[in-house]
Amino acid sequence: MARKHQPKKIIGKLGEAEIVLAQGGTISDSCRRIGVTEQIYYHWRKEYDGLKMDQALRVKQLEKENARLRRAVSDLTLDKLIPQEASRANF
């Protein structure tokens, strides 16, 4: 079962990893210390590197809002297209 990490914890773990790297450790060492695979580490760095805590939370909030709006637009588009397709089929 996959664990869902919160942005606060991810940023904290990335900070820990950076400390290990600054002390001369390797990526493998830092990943072992924070308890994730290298793939997850690189994914987190791509998504969260350089963000502060409040910025990361805001990004996640905006992603949820964006998904909600996309669903609303697709629903409205379908509501408009279905009657158009039905009227074309009758002729």
PDB file of N, CA and C in Angstrom:
ATOM      1  N   MET A   1       0.852  -1.175   0.000  1.00  0.00           N
ATOM      2  CA  MET A   1       0.000   0.000   0.000  1.00  0.00           C
ATOM      3  C   MET A   1       0.893   1.232   0.000  1.00  0.00           C
ATOM      4  N   ALA A   2       0.641   2.133  -0.913  1.00  0.00           N
ATOM      5  CA  ALA A   2       1.443   3.341  -1.037  1.00  0.00           C
ATOM      6  C   ALA A   2       1.049   4.348   0.037  1.00  0.00           C
ATOM      7  N   ARG A   3       2.060   5.028   0.569  1.00  0.00           N
ATOM      8  CA  ARG A   3       1.793   6.068   1.559  1.00  0.00           C
ATOM      9  C   ARG A   3       1.641   7.396   0.836  1.00  0.00           C
ATOM     10  N   LYS A   4       0.759   8.191   1.340  1.00  0.00           N
ATOM     11  CA  LYS A   4       0.556   9.533   0.786  1.00  0.00           C
ATOM     12  C   LYS A   4       1.288  10.517   1.681  1.00  0.00           C
ATOM     13  N   HIS A   5       2.334  11.108   1.161  1.00  0.00           N
ATOM     14  CA  HIS A   5       3.104  12.071   1.928  1.00  0.00           C
ATOM     15  C   HIS A   5       2.494  13.453   1.769  1.00  0.00           C
ATOM     16  N   GLN A   6       2.488  14.199   2.839  1.00  0.00           N
ATOM     17  CA  GLN A   6       1.983  15.566   2.833  1.00  0.00           C
ATOM     18  C   GLN A   6       3.097  16.506   2.377  1.00  0.00           C
ATOM     19  N   PRO A   7       2.735  17.622   1.722  1.00  0.00           N
ATOM     20  CA  PRO A   7       3.766  18.570   1.258  1.00  0.00           C
ATOM     21  C   PRO A   7       4.710  19.044   2.358  1.00  0.00           C
ATOM     22  N   LYS A   8       4.188  19.242   3.573  1.00  0.00           N
ATOM     23  CA  LYS A   8       5.047  19.668   4.684  1.00  0.00           C
ATOM     24  C   LYS A   8       6.146  18.646   4.946  1.00  0.00           C
ATOM     25  N   LYS A   9       5.757  17.375   4.985  1.00  0.00           N
ATOM     26  CA  LYS A   9       6.722  16.322   5.272  1.00  0.00           C
ATOM     27  C   LYS A   9       7.702  16.140   4.119  1.00  0.00           C
ATOM     28  N   ILE A  10       7.217  16.286   2.902  1.00  0.00           N
ATOM     29  CA  ILE A  10       8.096  16.149   1.739  1.00  0.00           C
ATOM     30  C   ILE A  10       9.170  17.224   1.765  1.00  0.00           C
ATOM     31  N   ILE A  11       8.779  18.460   2.018  1.00  0.00           N
ATOM     32  CA  ILE A  11       9.750  19.548   2.055  1.00  0.00           C
ATOM     33  C   ILE A  11      10.734  19.339   3.196  1.00  0.00           C
ATOM     34  N   GLY A  12      10.252  18.849   4.329  1.00  0.00           N
ATOM     35  CA  GLY A  12      11.143  18.543   5.443  1.00  0.00           C
ATOM     36  C   GLY A  12      12.146  17.458   5.088  1.00  0.00           C
ATOM     37  N   LYS A  13      11.661  16.411   4.429  1.00  0.00           N
ATOM     38  CA  LYS A  13      12.554  15.321   4.040  1.00  0.00           C
ATOM     39  C   LYS A  13      13.560  15.770   2.985  1.00  0.00           C
ATOM     40  N   LEU A  14      13.132  16.624   2.071  1.00  0.00           N
ATOM     41  CA  LEU A  14      14.079  17.152   1.085  1.00  0.00           C
ATOM     42  C   LEU A  14      15.160  17.978   1.779  1.00  0.00           C
ATOM     43  N   GLY A  15      14.774  18.709   2.801  1.00  0.00           N
ATOM     44  CA  GLY A  15      15.758  19.470   3.575  1.00  0.00           C
ATOM     45  C   GLY A  15      16.767  18.559   4.253  1.00  0.00           C
ATOM     46  N   GLU A  16      16.283  17.455   4.829  1.00  0.00           N
ATOM     47  CA  GLU A  16      17.172  16.471   5.448  1.00  0.00           C
ATOM     48  C   GLU A  16      18.143  15.895   4.422  1.00  0.00           C
ATOM     49  N   ALA A  17      17.613  15.592   3.249  1.00  0.00           N
ATOM     50  CA  ALA A  17      18.451  15.021   2.188  1.00  0.00           C
ATOM     51  C   ALA A  17      19.525  16.024   1.764  1.00  0.00           C
ATOM     52  N   GLU A  18      19.170  17.289   1.687  1.00  0.00           N
ATOM     53  CA  GLU A  18      20.144  18.307   1.310  1.00  0.00           C
ATOM     54  C   GLU A  18      21.249  18.422   2.349  1.00  0.00           C
ATOM     55  N   ILE A  19      20.900  18.249   3.618  1.00  0.00           N
ATOM     56  CA  ILE A  19      21.916  18.288   4.683  1.00  0.00           C
ATOM     57  C   ILE A  19      22.902  17.138   4.512  1.00  0.00           C
ATOM     58  N   VAL A  20      22.383  15.951   4.227  1.00  0.00           N
ATOM     59  CA  VAL A  20      23.255  14.790   4.018  1.00  0.00           C
ATOM     60  C   VAL A  20      24.167  15.035   2.824  1.00  0.00           C
ATOM     61  N   LEU A  21      23.609  15.587   1.755  1.00  0.00           N
ATOM     62  CA  LEU A  21      24.417  15.868   0.567  1.00  0.00           C
ATOM     63  C   LEU A  21      25.477  16.928   0.851  1.00  0.00           C
ATOM     64  N   ALA A  22      25.125  17.946   1.632  1.00  0.00           N
ATOM     65  CA  ALA A  22      26.078  19.002   1.962  1.00  0.00           C
ATOM     66  C   ALA A  22      27.214  18.476   2.834  1.00  0.00           C
ATOM     67  N   GLN A  23      26.953  17.436   3.598  1.00  0.00           N
ATOM     68  CA  GLN A  23      27.975  16.845   4.454  1.00  0.00           C
ATOM     69  C   GLN A  23      28.838  15.844   3.697  1.00  0.00           C
ATOM     70  N   GLY A  24      28.625  15.736   2.396  1.00  0.00           N
ATOM     71  CA  GLY A  24      29.444  14.852   1.574  1.00  0.00           C
ATOM     72  C   GLY A  24      28.833  13.501   1.311  1.00  0.00           C
ATOM     73  N   GLY A  25      27.597  13.299   1.695  1.00  0.00           N
ATOM     74  CA  GLY A  25      26.924  12.027   1.439  1.00  0.00           C
ATOM     75  C   GLY A  25      26.489  11.910  -0.009  1.00  0.00           C
ATOM     76  N   THR A  26      26.045  10.737  -0.373  1.00  0.00           N
ATOM     77  CA  THR A  26      25.560  10.508  -1.737  1.00  0.00           C
ATOM     78  C   THR A  26      24.042  10.573  -1.762  1.00  0.00           C
ATOM     79  N   ILE A  27      23.509  10.550  -2.956  1.00  0.00           N
ATOM     80  CA  ILE A  27      22.049  10.526  -3.118  1.00  0.00           C
ATOM     81  C   ILE A  27      21.492   9.268  -2.448  1.00  0.00           C
ATOM     82  N   SER A  28      22.172   8.143  -2.621  1.00  0.00           N
ATOM     83  CA  SER A  28      21.718   6.890  -2.005  1.00  0.00           C
ATOM     84  C   SER A  28      21.667   7.009  -0.488  1.00  0.00           C
ATOM     85  N   ASP A  29      22.711   7.637   0.082  1.00  0.00           N
ATOM     86  CA  ASP A  29      22.729   7.829   1.538  1.00  0.00           C
ATOM     87  C   ASP A  29      21.556   8.684   1.993  1.00  0.00           C
ATOM     88  N   SER A  30      21.331   9.777   1.287  1.00  0.00           N
ATOM     89  CA  SER A  30      20.251  10.673   1.695  1.00  0.00           C
ATOM     90  C   SER A  30      18.889  10.017   1.527  1.00  0.00           C
ATOM     91  N   CYS A  31      18.713   9.225   0.475  1.00  0.00           N
ATOM     92  CA  CYS A  31      17.435   8.527   0.270  1.00  0.00           C
ATOM     93  C   CYS A  31      17.203   7.491   1.366  1.00  0.00           C
ATOM     94  N   ARG A  32      18.256   6.780   1.741  1.00  0.00           N
ATOM     95  CA  ARG A  32      18.137   5.802   2.816  1.00  0.00           C
ATOM     96  C   ARG A  32      17.757   6.496   4.123  1.00  0.00           C
ATOM     97  N   ARG A  33      18.353   7.655   4.358  1.00  0.00           N
ATOM     98  CA  ARG A  33      18.094   8.378   5.613  1.00  0.00           C
ATOM     99  C   ARG A  33      16.650   8.868   5.699  1.00  0.00           C
ATOM    100  N   ILE A  34      16.096   9.350   4.565  1.00  0.00           N
ATOM    101  CA  ILE A  34      14.726   9.859   4.614  1.00  0.00           C
ATOM    102  C   ILE A  34      13.689   8.778   4.321  1.00  0.00           C
ATOM    103  N   GLY A  35      14.151   7.588   3.921  1.00  0.00           N
ATOM    104  CA  GLY A  35      13.258   6.444   3.771  1.00  0.00           C
ATOM    105  C   GLY A  35      12.454   6.402   2.480  1.00  0.00           C
ATOM    106  N   VAL A  36      13.060   6.872   1.383  1.00  0.00           N
ATOM    107  CA  VAL A  36      12.383   6.804   0.085  1.00  0.00           C
ATOM    108  C   VAL A  36      13.356   6.281  -0.963  1.00  0.00           C
ATOM    109  N   THR A  37      12.819   5.898  -2.106  1.00  0.00           N
ATOM    110  CA  THR A  37      13.672   5.456  -3.205  1.00  0.00           C
ATOM    111  C   THR A  37      14.234   6.670  -3.935  1.00  0.00           C
ATOM    112  N   GLU A  38      15.250   6.422  -4.745  1.00  0.00           N
ATOM    113  CA  GLU A  38      15.837   7.512  -5.519  1.00  0.00           C
ATOM    114  C   GLU A  38      14.829   8.093  -6.504  1.00  0.00           C
ATOM    115  N   GLN A  39      13.977   7.246  -7.070  1.00  0.00           N
ATOM    116  CA  GLN A  39      12.972   7.733  -8.007  1.00  0.00           C
ATOM    117  C   GLN A  39      12.026   8.709  -7.323  1.00  0.00           C
ATOM    118  N   ILE A  40      11.586   8.372  -6.121  1.00  0.00           N
ATOM    119  CA  ILE A  40      10.690   9.270  -5.383  1.00  0.00           C
ATOM    120  C   ILE A  40      11.423  10.554  -5.028  1.00  0.00           C
ATOM    121  N   TYR A  41      12.689  10.437  -4.621  1.00  0.00           N
ATOM    122  CA  TYR A  41      13.483  11.620  -4.285  1.00  0.00           C
ATOM    123  C   TYR A  41      13.552  12.577  -5.470  1.00  0.00           C
ATOM    124  N   TYR A  42      13.879  12.046  -6.644  1.00  0.00           N
ATOM    125  CA  TYR A  42      13.983  12.907  -7.831  1.00  0.00           C
ATOM    126  C   TYR A  42      12.627  13.485  -8.218  1.00  0.00           C
ATOM    127  N   HIS A  43      11.566  12.703  -8.062  1.00  0.00           N
ATOM    128  CA  HIS A  43      10.213  13.213  -8.348  1.00  0.00           C
ATOM    129  C   HIS A  43       9.881  14.368  -7.411  1.00  0.00           C
ATOM    130  N   TRP A  44      10.161  14.187  -6.126  1.00  0.00           N
ATOM    131  CA  TRP A  44       9.905  15.245  -5.146  1.00  0.00           C
ATOM    132  C   TRP A  44      10.728  16.483  -5.450  1.00  0.00           C
ATOM    133  N   ARG A  45      11.993  16.282  -5.809  1.00  0.00           N
ATOM    134  CA  ARG A  45      12.835  17.446  -6.130  1.00  0.00           C
ATOM    135  C   ARG A  45      12.288  18.197  -7.324  1.00  0.00           C
ATOM    136  N   LYS A  46      11.820  17.473  -8.305  1.00  0.00           N
ATOM    137  CA  LYS A  46      11.253  18.104  -9.500  1.00  0.00           C
ATOM    138  C   LYS A  46      10.024  18.929  -9.131  1.00  0.00           C
ATOM    139  N   GLU A  47       9.206  18.403  -8.229  1.00  0.00           N
ATOM    140  CA  GLU A  47       7.945  19.053  -7.891  1.00  0.00           C
ATOM    141  C   GLU A  47       8.081  20.119  -6.809  1.00  0.00           C
ATOM    142  N   TYR A  48       8.929  19.875  -5.801  1.00  0.00           N
ATOM    143  CA  TYR A  48       8.946  20.740  -4.623  1.00  0.00           C
ATOM    144  C   TYR A  48      10.241  21.515  -4.402  1.00  0.00           C
ATOM    145  N   ASP A  49      11.287  21.240  -5.137  1.00  0.00           N
ATOM    146  CA  ASP A  49      12.576  21.866  -4.857  1.00  0.00           C
ATOM    147  C   ASP A  49      12.484  23.384  -4.990  1.00  0.00           C
ATOM    148  N   GLY A  50      12.934  24.082  -3.983  1.00  0.00           N
ATOM    149  CA  GLY A  50      12.944  25.534  -3.999  1.00  0.00           C
ATOM    150  C   GLY A  50      11.664  26.167  -3.487  1.00  0.00           C
ATOM    151  N   LEU A  51      10.657  25.365  -3.197  1.00  0.00           N
ATOM    152  CA  LEU A  51       9.406  25.925  -2.697  1.00  0.00           C
ATOM    153  C   LEU A  51       9.439  26.010  -1.175  1.00  0.00           C
ATOM    154  N   LYS A  52       8.814  27.036  -0.675  1.00  0.00           N
ATOM    155  CA  LYS A  52       8.624  27.137   0.767  1.00  0.00           C
ATOM    156  C   LYS A  52       7.331  26.405   1.109  1.00  0.00           C
ATOM    157  N   MET A  53       7.120  26.193   2.389  1.00  0.00           N
ATOM    158  CA  MET A  53       5.979  25.401   2.843  1.00  0.00           C
ATOM    159  C   MET A  53       4.657  25.977   2.346  1.00  0.00           C
ATOM    160  N   ASP A  54       4.451  27.277   2.519  1.00  0.00           N
ATOM    161  CA  ASP A  54       3.168  27.870   2.120  1.00  0.00           C
ATOM    162  C   ASP A  54       2.989  27.847   0.611  1.00  0.00           C
ATOM    163  N   GLN A  55       4.088  27.962  -0.133  1.00  0.00           N
ATOM    164  CA  GLN A  55       3.990  27.894  -1.588  1.00  0.00           C
ATOM    165  C   GLN A  55       3.593  26.491  -2.041  1.00  0.00           C
ATOM    166  N   ALA A  56       4.157  25.476  -1.420  1.00  0.00           N
ATOM    167  CA  ALA A  56       3.829  24.096  -1.785  1.00  0.00           C
ATOM    168  C   ALA A  56       2.368  23.788  -1.488  1.00  0.00           C
ATOM    169  N   LEU A  57       1.888  24.256  -0.344  1.00  0.00           N
ATOM    170  CA  LEU A  57       0.483  24.031  -0.010  1.00  0.00           C
ATOM    171  C   LEU A  57      -0.428  24.743  -0.995  1.00  0.00           C
ATOM    172  N   ARG A  58      -0.040  25.948  -1.406  1.00  0.00           N
ATOM    173  CA  ARG A  58      -0.843  26.714  -2.371  1.00  0.00           C
ATOM    174  C   ARG A  58      -0.861  26.011  -3.732  1.00  0.00           C
ATOM    175  N   VAL A  59       0.272  25.448  -4.141  1.00  0.00           N
ATOM    176  CA  VAL A  59       0.334  24.720  -5.415  1.00  0.00           C
ATOM    177  C   VAL A  59      -0.629  23.541  -5.388  1.00  0.00           C
ATOM    178  N   LYS A  60      -0.624  22.779  -4.299  1.00  0.00           N
ATOM    179  CA  LYS A  60      -1.531  21.634  -4.191  1.00  0.00           C
ATOM    180  C   LYS A  60      -2.990  22.078  -4.212  1.00  0.00           C
ATOM    181  N   GLN A  61      -3.271  23.183  -3.531  1.00  0.00           N
ATOM    182  CA  GLN A  61      -4.635  23.706  -3.515  1.00  0.00           C
ATOM    183  C   GLN A  61      -5.063  24.124  -4.921  1.00  0.00           C
ATOM    184  N   LEU A  62      -4.182  24.766  -5.659  1.00  0.00           N
ATOM    185  CA  LEU A  62      -4.501  25.193  -7.023  1.00  0.00           C
ATOM    186  C   LEU A  62      -4.666  23.999  -7.955  1.00  0.00           C
ATOM    187  N   GLU A  63      -3.889  22.940  -7.747  1.00  0.00           N
ATOM    188  CA  GLU A  63      -4.042  21.740  -8.571  1.00  0.00           C
ATOM    189  C   GLU A  63      -5.424  21.109  -8.366  1.00  0.00           C
ATOM    190  N   LYS A  64      -5.883  21.067  -7.122  1.00  0.00           N
ATOM    191  CA  LYS A  64      -7.218  20.529  -6.848  1.00  0.00           C
ATOM    192  C   LYS A  64      -8.299  21.392  -7.493  1.00  0.00           C
ATOM    193  N   GLU A  65      -8.164  22.710  -7.376  1.00  0.00           N
ATOM    194  CA  GLU A  65      -9.135  23.625  -7.971  1.00  0.00           C
ATOM    195  C   GLU A  65      -9.146  23.485  -9.493  1.00  0.00           C
ATOM    196  N   ASN A  66      -7.973  23.343 -10.079  1.00  0.00           N
ATOM    197  CA  ASN A  66      -7.861  23.179 -11.525  1.00  0.00           C
ATOM    198  C   ASN A  66      -8.558  21.899 -11.980  1.00  0.00           C
ATOM    199  N   ALA A  67      -8.372  20.817 -11.246  1.00  0.00           N
ATOM    200  CA  ALA A  67      -9.039  19.551 -11.586  1.00  0.00           C
ATOM    201  C   ALA A  67     -10.548  19.700 -11.493  1.00  0.00           C
ATOM    202  N   ARG A  68     -11.027  20.387 -10.458  1.00  0.00           N
ATOM    203  CA  ARG A  68     -12.466  20.591 -10.295  1.00  0.00           C
ATOM    204  C   ARG A  68     -13.029  21.401 -11.465  1.00  0.00           C
ATOM    205  N   LEU A  69     -12.317  22.445 -11.867  1.00  0.00           N
ATOM    206  CA  LEU A  69     -12.785  23.276 -12.976  1.00  0.00           C
ATOM    207  C   LEU A  69     -12.750  22.522 -14.301  1.00  0.00           C
ATOM    208  N   ARG A  70     -11.751  21.692 -14.502  1.00  0.00           N
ATOM    209  CA  ARG A  70     -11.690  20.879 -15.733  1.00  0.00           C
ATOM    210  C   ARG A  70     -12.899  19.943 -15.826  1.00  0.00           C
ATOM    211  N   ARG A  71     -13.249  19.331 -14.691  1.00  0.00           N
ATOM    212  CA  ARG A  71     -14.431  18.452 -14.688  1.00  0.00           C
ATOM    213  C   ARG A  71     -15.693  19.241 -15.005  1.00  0.00           C
ATOM    214  N   ALA A  72     -15.806  20.448 -14.455  1.00  0.00           N
ATOM    215  CA  ALA A  72     -16.998  21.268 -14.698  1.00  0.00           C
ATOM    216  C   ALA A  72     -17.098  21.642 -16.171  1.00  0.00           C
ATOM    217  N   VAL A  73     -15.975  22.022 -16.763  1.00  0.00           N
ATOM    218  CA  VAL A  73     -15.981  22.391 -18.183  1.00  0.00           C
ATOM    219  C   VAL A  73     -16.315  21.184 -19.047  1.00  0.00           C
ATOM    220  N   SER A  74     -15.744  20.031 -18.724  1.00  0.00           N
ATOM    221  CA  SER A  74     -16.041  18.847 -19.536  1.00  0.00           C
ATOM    222  C   SER A  74     -17.510  18.446 -19.411  1.00  0.00           C
ATOM    223  N   ASP A  75     -18.089  18.574 -18.213  1.00  0.00           N
ATOM    224  CA  ASP A  75     -19.505  18.265 -18.033  1.00  0.00           C
ATOM    225  C   ASP A  75     -20.374  19.217 -18.858  1.00  0.00           C
ATOM    226  N   LEU A  76     -20.053  20.491 -18.822  1.00  0.00           N
ATOM    227  CA  LEU A  76     -20.827  21.470 -19.597  1.00  0.00           C
ATOM    228  C   LEU A  76     -20.683  21.237 -21.092  1.00  0.00           C
ATOM    229  N   THR A  77     -19.488  20.875 -21.517  1.00  0.00           N
ATOM    230  CA  THR A  77     -19.254  20.601 -22.929  1.00  0.00           C
ATOM    231  C   THR A  77     -20.081  19.402 -23.372  1.00  0.00           C
ATOM    232  N   LEU A  78     -20.093  18.351 -22.566  1.00  0.00           N
ATOM    233  CA  LEU A  78     -20.895  17.173 -22.901  1.00  0.00           C
ATOM    234  C   LEU A  78     -22.381  17.510 -22.933  1.00  0.00           C
ATOM    235  N   ASP A  79     -22.834  18.312 -21.966  1.00  0.00           N
ATOM    236  CA  ASP A  79     -24.240  18.705 -21.935  1.00  0.00           C
ATOM    237  C   ASP A  79     -24.624  19.460 -23.201  1.00  0.00           C
ATOM    238  N   LYS A  80     -23.694  20.195 -23.776  1.00  0.00           N
ATOM    239  CA  LYS A  80     -23.968  20.960 -24.993  1.00  0.00           C
ATOM    240  C   LYS A  80     -23.872  20.077 -26.241  1.00  0.00           C
ATOM    241  N   LEU A  81     -22.903  19.164 -26.263  1.00  0.00           N
ATOM    242  CA  LEU A  81     -22.674  18.357 -27.451  1.00  0.00           C
ATOM    243  C   LEU A  81     -23.700  17.240 -27.641  1.00  0.00           C
ATOM    244  N   ILE A  82     -24.207  16.676 -26.565  1.00  0.00           N
ATOM    245  CA  ILE A  82     -25.151  15.562 -26.686  1.00  0.00           C
ATOM    246  C   ILE A  82     -26.412  15.970 -27.448  1.00  0.00           C
ATOM    247  N   PRO A  83     -27.048  17.095 -27.105  1.00  0.00           N
ATOM    248  CA  PRO A  83     -28.230  17.485 -27.892  1.00  0.00           C
ATOM    249  C   PRO A  83     -27.893  17.801 -29.358  1.00  0.00           C
ATOM    250  N   GLN A  84     -26.724  18.367 -29.591  1.00  0.00           N
ATOM    251  CA  GLN A  84     -26.329  18.665 -30.973  1.00  0.00           C
ATOM    252  C   GLN A  84     -26.180  17.383 -31.773  1.00  0.00           C
ATOM    253  N   GLU A  85     -25.540  16.387 -31.187  1.00  0.00           N
ATOM    254  CA  GLU A  85     -25.360  15.102 -31.878  1.00  0.00           C
ATOM    255  C   GLU A  85     -26.700  14.410 -32.095  1.00  0.00           C
ATOM    256  N   ALA A  86     -27.600  14.519 -31.125  1.00  0.00           N
ATOM    257  CA  ALA A  86     -28.909  13.892 -31.265  1.00  0.00           C
ATOM    258  C   ALA A  86     -29.710  14.565 -32.379  1.00  0.00           C
ATOM    259  N   SER A  87     -29.617  15.886 -32.496  1.00  0.00           N
ATOM    260  CA  SER A  87     -30.362  16.572 -33.549  1.00  0.00           C
ATOM    261  C   SER A  87     -29.779  16.263 -34.922  1.00  0.00           C
ATOM    262  N   ARG A  88     -28.494  16.034 -35.036  1.00  0.00           N
ATOM    263  CA  ARG A  88     -27.877  15.677 -36.324  1.00  0.00           C
ATOM    264  C   ARG A  88     -28.297  14.268 -36.742  1.00  0.00           C
ATOM    265  N   ALA A  89     -28.474  13.392 -35.785  1.00  0.00           N
ATOM    266  CA  ALA A  89     -28.843  12.014 -36.075  1.00  0.00           C
ATOM    267  C   ALA A  89     -30.268  11.927 -36.613  1.00  0.00           C
ATOM    268  N   ASN A  90     -31.125  12.876 -36.230  1.00  0.00           N
ATOM    269  CA  ASN A  90     -32.515  12.859 -36.692  1.00  0.00           C
ATOM    270  C   ASN A  90     -32.646  13.314 -38.131  1.00  0.00           C
ATOM    271  N   PHE A  91     -31.681  14.014 -38.628  1.00  0.00           N
ATOM    272  CA  PHE A  91     -31.801  14.522 -40.025  1.00  0.00           C
ATOM    273  C   PHE A  91     -31.024  13.726 -40.970  1.00  0.00           C
TER     274      PHE A  91
END
